[in-house]
Amino acid sequence: MGVDVMKENVIRDKSFSLAKNVLQLISKLPANSQGFVLSNQLGRAGTSVGANVEEAIAAFSKADFRHKMSIALKEARETNYWLRLIHETQLIQTENLHSTISESEEVMRILGAIVKSSSPNN
């Protein structure tokens, strides 16, 4: 597909780890309307990153691969948004939040590089 296997494995592992950490954070959100909205949005976006990476790895064409990785990148950006919102609103106080925000930023950087390197102009 034009992306070396090591990058695929790295992003596969990191997006899976991000999903696990997101699910752990969701369990710490308050059981109120704010917590429900944020857990729903964060849960969907945070677990979608890795699901789209898995779909990309099984892509039937380079264009399909690039499309799925692009979706994964968008979901990673959304995940980062919800994590930053939780941090800024101080809904939970945990060190895991800071490390998960950093993890989401790393996943975004890797996905951005994969999407860029798999574009037709490269």
C-alpha atoms as a PDB file:
ATOM      1  CA  MET A   1       0.000   0.000   0.000  1.00  0.00           C
ATOM      2  CA  GLY A   2       2.968   2.370   0.070  1.00  0.00           C
ATOM      3  CA  VAL A   3       3.142   2.629   3.879  1.00  0.00           C
ATOM      4  CA  ASP A   4       5.671   0.373   5.499  1.00  0.00           C
ATOM      5  CA  VAL A   5       4.493  -2.385   7.815  1.00  0.00           C
ATOM      6  CA  MET A   6       6.226  -0.915  10.882  1.00  0.00           C
ATOM      7  CA  LYS A   7       4.165   2.280  10.637  1.00  0.00           C
ATOM      8  CA  GLU A   8       1.007   0.225  10.312  1.00  0.00           C
ATOM      9  CA  ASN A   9       1.892  -1.745  13.425  1.00  0.00           C
ATOM     10  CA  VAL A  10       2.817   1.365  15.390  1.00  0.00           C
ATOM     11  CA  ILE A  11      -0.402   3.179  14.541  1.00  0.00           C
ATOM     12  CA  ARG A  12      -2.412   0.023  15.107  1.00  0.00           C
ATOM     13  CA  ASP A  13      -0.928  -0.396  18.599  1.00  0.00           C
ATOM     14  CA  LYS A  14      -1.132   3.290  19.509  1.00  0.00           C
ATOM     15  CA  SER A  15      -4.733   3.713  18.340  1.00  0.00           C
ATOM     16  CA  PHE A  16      -5.734   0.601  20.293  1.00  0.00           C
ATOM     17  CA  SER A  17      -3.995   1.961  23.395  1.00  0.00           C
ATOM     18  CA  LEU A  18      -5.759   5.294  22.927  1.00  0.00           C
ATOM     19  CA  ALA A  19      -9.134   3.529  22.797  1.00  0.00           C
ATOM     20  CA  LYS A  20      -8.360   1.627  26.021  1.00  0.00           C
ATOM     21  CA  ASN A  21      -7.314   4.807  27.817  1.00  0.00           C
ATOM     22  CA  VAL A  22     -10.386   6.678  26.576  1.00  0.00           C
ATOM     23  CA  LEU A  23     -12.643   3.928  27.913  1.00  0.00           C
ATOM     24  CA  GLN A  24     -10.887   4.074  31.285  1.00  0.00           C
ATOM     25  CA  LEU A  25     -11.363   7.859  31.435  1.00  0.00           C
ATOM     26  CA  ILE A  26     -15.030   7.602  30.534  1.00  0.00           C
ATOM     27  CA  SER A  27     -15.656   5.492  33.613  1.00  0.00           C
ATOM     28  CA  LYS A  28     -14.383   8.380  35.751  1.00  0.00           C
ATOM     29  CA  LEU A  29     -16.725  11.014  34.304  1.00  0.00           C
ATOM     30  CA  PRO A  30     -19.541  12.191  36.584  1.00  0.00           C
ATOM     31  CA  ALA A  31     -22.932  10.484  36.336  1.00  0.00           C
ATOM     32  CA  ASN A  32     -24.749  13.651  35.289  1.00  0.00           C
ATOM     33  CA  SER A  33     -25.882  15.161  31.992  1.00  0.00           C
ATOM     34  CA  GLN A  34     -22.444  16.662  31.261  1.00  0.00           C
ATOM     35  CA  GLY A  35     -20.719  13.370  31.956  1.00  0.00           C
ATOM     36  CA  PHE A  36     -23.196  11.472  29.806  1.00  0.00           C
ATOM     37  CA  VAL A  37     -22.771  13.779  26.798  1.00  0.00           C
ATOM     38  CA  LEU A  38     -18.989  13.776  27.046  1.00  0.00           C
ATOM     39  CA  SER A  39     -18.688  10.042  27.643  1.00  0.00           C
ATOM     40  CA  ASN A  40     -20.890   9.343  24.630  1.00  0.00           C
ATOM     41  CA  GLN A  41     -18.982  11.681  22.298  1.00  0.00           C
ATOM     42  CA  LEU A  42     -15.524  10.736  23.565  1.00  0.00           C
ATOM     43  CA  GLY A  43     -16.331   7.030  23.548  1.00  0.00           C
ATOM     44  CA  ARG A  44     -17.502   7.077  19.948  1.00  0.00           C
ATOM     45  CA  ALA A  45     -14.591   9.132  18.646  1.00  0.00           C
ATOM     46  CA  GLY A  46     -11.887   7.499  20.769  1.00  0.00           C
ATOM     47  CA  THR A  47     -12.790   3.953  19.772  1.00  0.00           C
ATOM     48  CA  SER A  48     -13.403   4.879  16.133  1.00  0.00           C
ATOM     49  CA  VAL A  49      -9.761   5.840  15.554  1.00  0.00           C
ATOM     50  CA  GLY A  50      -8.482   2.290  15.921  1.00  0.00           C
ATOM     51  CA  ALA A  51     -11.470   0.778  14.126  1.00  0.00           C
ATOM     52  CA  ASN A  52     -10.714   2.919  11.073  1.00  0.00           C
ATOM     53  CA  VAL A  53      -7.022   2.049  11.261  1.00  0.00           C
ATOM     54  CA  GLU A  54      -7.984  -1.639  11.228  1.00  0.00           C
ATOM     55  CA  GLU A  55     -10.196  -1.047   8.192  1.00  0.00           C
ATOM     56  CA  ALA A  56      -7.348   0.811   6.460  1.00  0.00           C
ATOM     57  CA  ILE A  57      -4.938  -2.049   7.053  1.00  0.00           C
ATOM     58  CA  ALA A  58      -7.416  -4.336   5.262  1.00  0.00           C
ATOM     59  CA  ALA A  59      -8.067  -1.804   2.462  1.00  0.00           C
ATOM     60  CA  PHE A  60      -8.595  -3.096  -1.052  1.00  0.00           C
ATOM     61  CA  SER A  61      -6.834  -0.154  -2.730  1.00  0.00           C
ATOM     62  CA  LYS A  62      -4.459   2.678  -1.965  1.00  0.00           C
ATOM     63  CA  ALA A  63      -7.332   5.151  -2.284  1.00  0.00           C
ATOM     64  CA  ASP A  64      -9.404   3.152   0.216  1.00  0.00           C
ATOM     65  CA  PHE A  65      -6.400   2.974   2.563  1.00  0.00           C
ATOM     66  CA  ARG A  66      -5.907   6.744   2.380  1.00  0.00           C
ATOM     67  CA  HIS A  67      -9.640   7.377   2.883  1.00  0.00           C
ATOM     68  CA  LYS A  68      -9.834   5.179   6.017  1.00  0.00           C
ATOM     69  CA  MET A  69      -6.665   6.691   7.467  1.00  0.00           C
ATOM     70  CA  SER A  70      -8.102  10.161   6.792  1.00  0.00           C
ATOM     71  CA  ILE A  71     -11.235   9.223   8.727  1.00  0.00           C
ATOM     72  CA  ALA A  72      -9.055   7.880  11.560  1.00  0.00           C
ATOM     73  CA  LEU A  73      -7.209  11.220  11.618  1.00  0.00           C
ATOM     74  CA  LYS A  74     -10.488  13.148  11.843  1.00  0.00           C
ATOM     75  CA  GLU A  75     -11.663  10.899  14.689  1.00  0.00           C
ATOM     76  CA  ALA A  76      -8.329  11.387  16.483  1.00  0.00           C
ATOM     77  CA  ARG A  77      -8.755  15.160  16.203  1.00  0.00           C
ATOM     78  CA  GLU A  78     -12.272  14.876  17.607  1.00  0.00           C
ATOM     79  CA  THR A  79     -11.010  12.667  20.431  1.00  0.00           C
ATOM     80  CA  ASN A  80      -8.379  15.272  21.259  1.00  0.00           C
ATOM     81  CA  TYR A  81     -11.061  17.977  21.282  1.00  0.00           C
ATOM     82  CA  TRP A  82     -13.236  16.111  23.813  1.00  0.00           C
ATOM     83  CA  LEU A  83     -10.222  15.319  25.992  1.00  0.00           C
ATOM     84  CA  ARG A  84      -9.180  18.984  26.044  1.00  0.00           C
ATOM     85  CA  LEU A  85     -12.750  20.017  26.866  1.00  0.00           C
ATOM     86  CA  ILE A  86     -12.841  17.603  29.801  1.00  0.00           C
ATOM     87  CA  HIS A  87      -9.506  18.990  30.978  1.00  0.00           C
ATOM     88  CA  GLU A  88     -10.578  22.639  30.664  1.00  0.00           C
ATOM     89  CA  THR A  89     -13.910  22.077  32.422  1.00  0.00           C
ATOM     90  CA  GLN A  90     -12.141  20.099  35.172  1.00  0.00           C
ATOM     91  CA  LEU A  91     -14.798  17.399  35.152  1.00  0.00           C
ATOM     92  CA  ILE A  92     -12.238  14.852  36.298  1.00  0.00           C
ATOM     93  CA  GLN A  93      -8.893  15.209  38.006  1.00  0.00           C
ATOM     94  CA  THR A  94      -6.576  12.416  36.963  1.00  0.00           C
ATOM     95  CA  GLU A  95      -3.042  12.210  35.637  1.00  0.00           C
ATOM     96  CA  ASN A  96      -4.316   9.795  32.995  1.00  0.00           C
ATOM     97  CA  LEU A  97      -6.118  12.700  31.328  1.00  0.00           C
ATOM     98  CA  HIS A  98      -2.854  14.532  30.583  1.00  0.00           C
ATOM     99  CA  SER A  99      -1.149  11.425  29.255  1.00  0.00           C
ATOM    100  CA  THR A 100      -4.182  10.521  27.131  1.00  0.00           C
ATOM    101  CA  ILE A 101      -4.235  14.023  25.624  1.00  0.00           C
ATOM    102  CA  SER A 102      -0.544  13.588  24.738  1.00  0.00           C
ATOM    103  CA  GLU A 103      -1.275  10.145  23.338  1.00  0.00           C
ATOM    104  CA  SER A 104      -4.050  11.526  21.128  1.00  0.00           C
ATOM    105  CA  GLU A 105      -1.681  14.220  19.826  1.00  0.00           C
ATOM    106  CA  GLU A 106       0.912  11.576  18.970  1.00  0.00           C
ATOM    107  CA  VAL A 107      -1.706   9.483  17.160  1.00  0.00           C
ATOM    108  CA  MET A 108      -2.759  12.590  15.192  1.00  0.00           C
ATOM    109  CA  ARG A 109       0.864  13.248  14.155  1.00  0.00           C
ATOM    110  CA  ILE A 110       1.392   9.666  13.007  1.00  0.00           C
ATOM    111  CA  LEU A 111      -1.903   9.541  11.120  1.00  0.00           C
ATOM    112  CA  GLY A 112      -1.159  12.901   9.500  1.00  0.00           C
ATOM    113  CA  ALA A 113       2.182  11.586   8.261  1.00  0.00           C
ATOM    114  CA  ILE A 114       0.566   8.392   6.945  1.00  0.00           C
ATOM    115  CA  VAL A 115      -2.163  10.306   5.111  1.00  0.00           C
ATOM    116  CA  LYS A 116       0.375  12.719   3.638  1.00  0.00           C
ATOM    117  CA  SER A 117       2.770   9.980   2.526  1.00  0.00           C
ATOM    118  CA  SER A 118      -0.037   7.972   0.932  1.00  0.00           C
ATOM    119  CA  SER A 119      -1.448  10.889  -1.068  1.00  0.00           C
ATOM    120  CA  PRO A 120      -1.191  10.641  -4.857  1.00  0.00           C
ATOM    121  CA  ASN A 121       1.248  13.569  -5.032  1.00  0.00           C
ATOM    122  CA  ASN A 122       3.895  11.727  -2.981  1.00  0.00           C
END
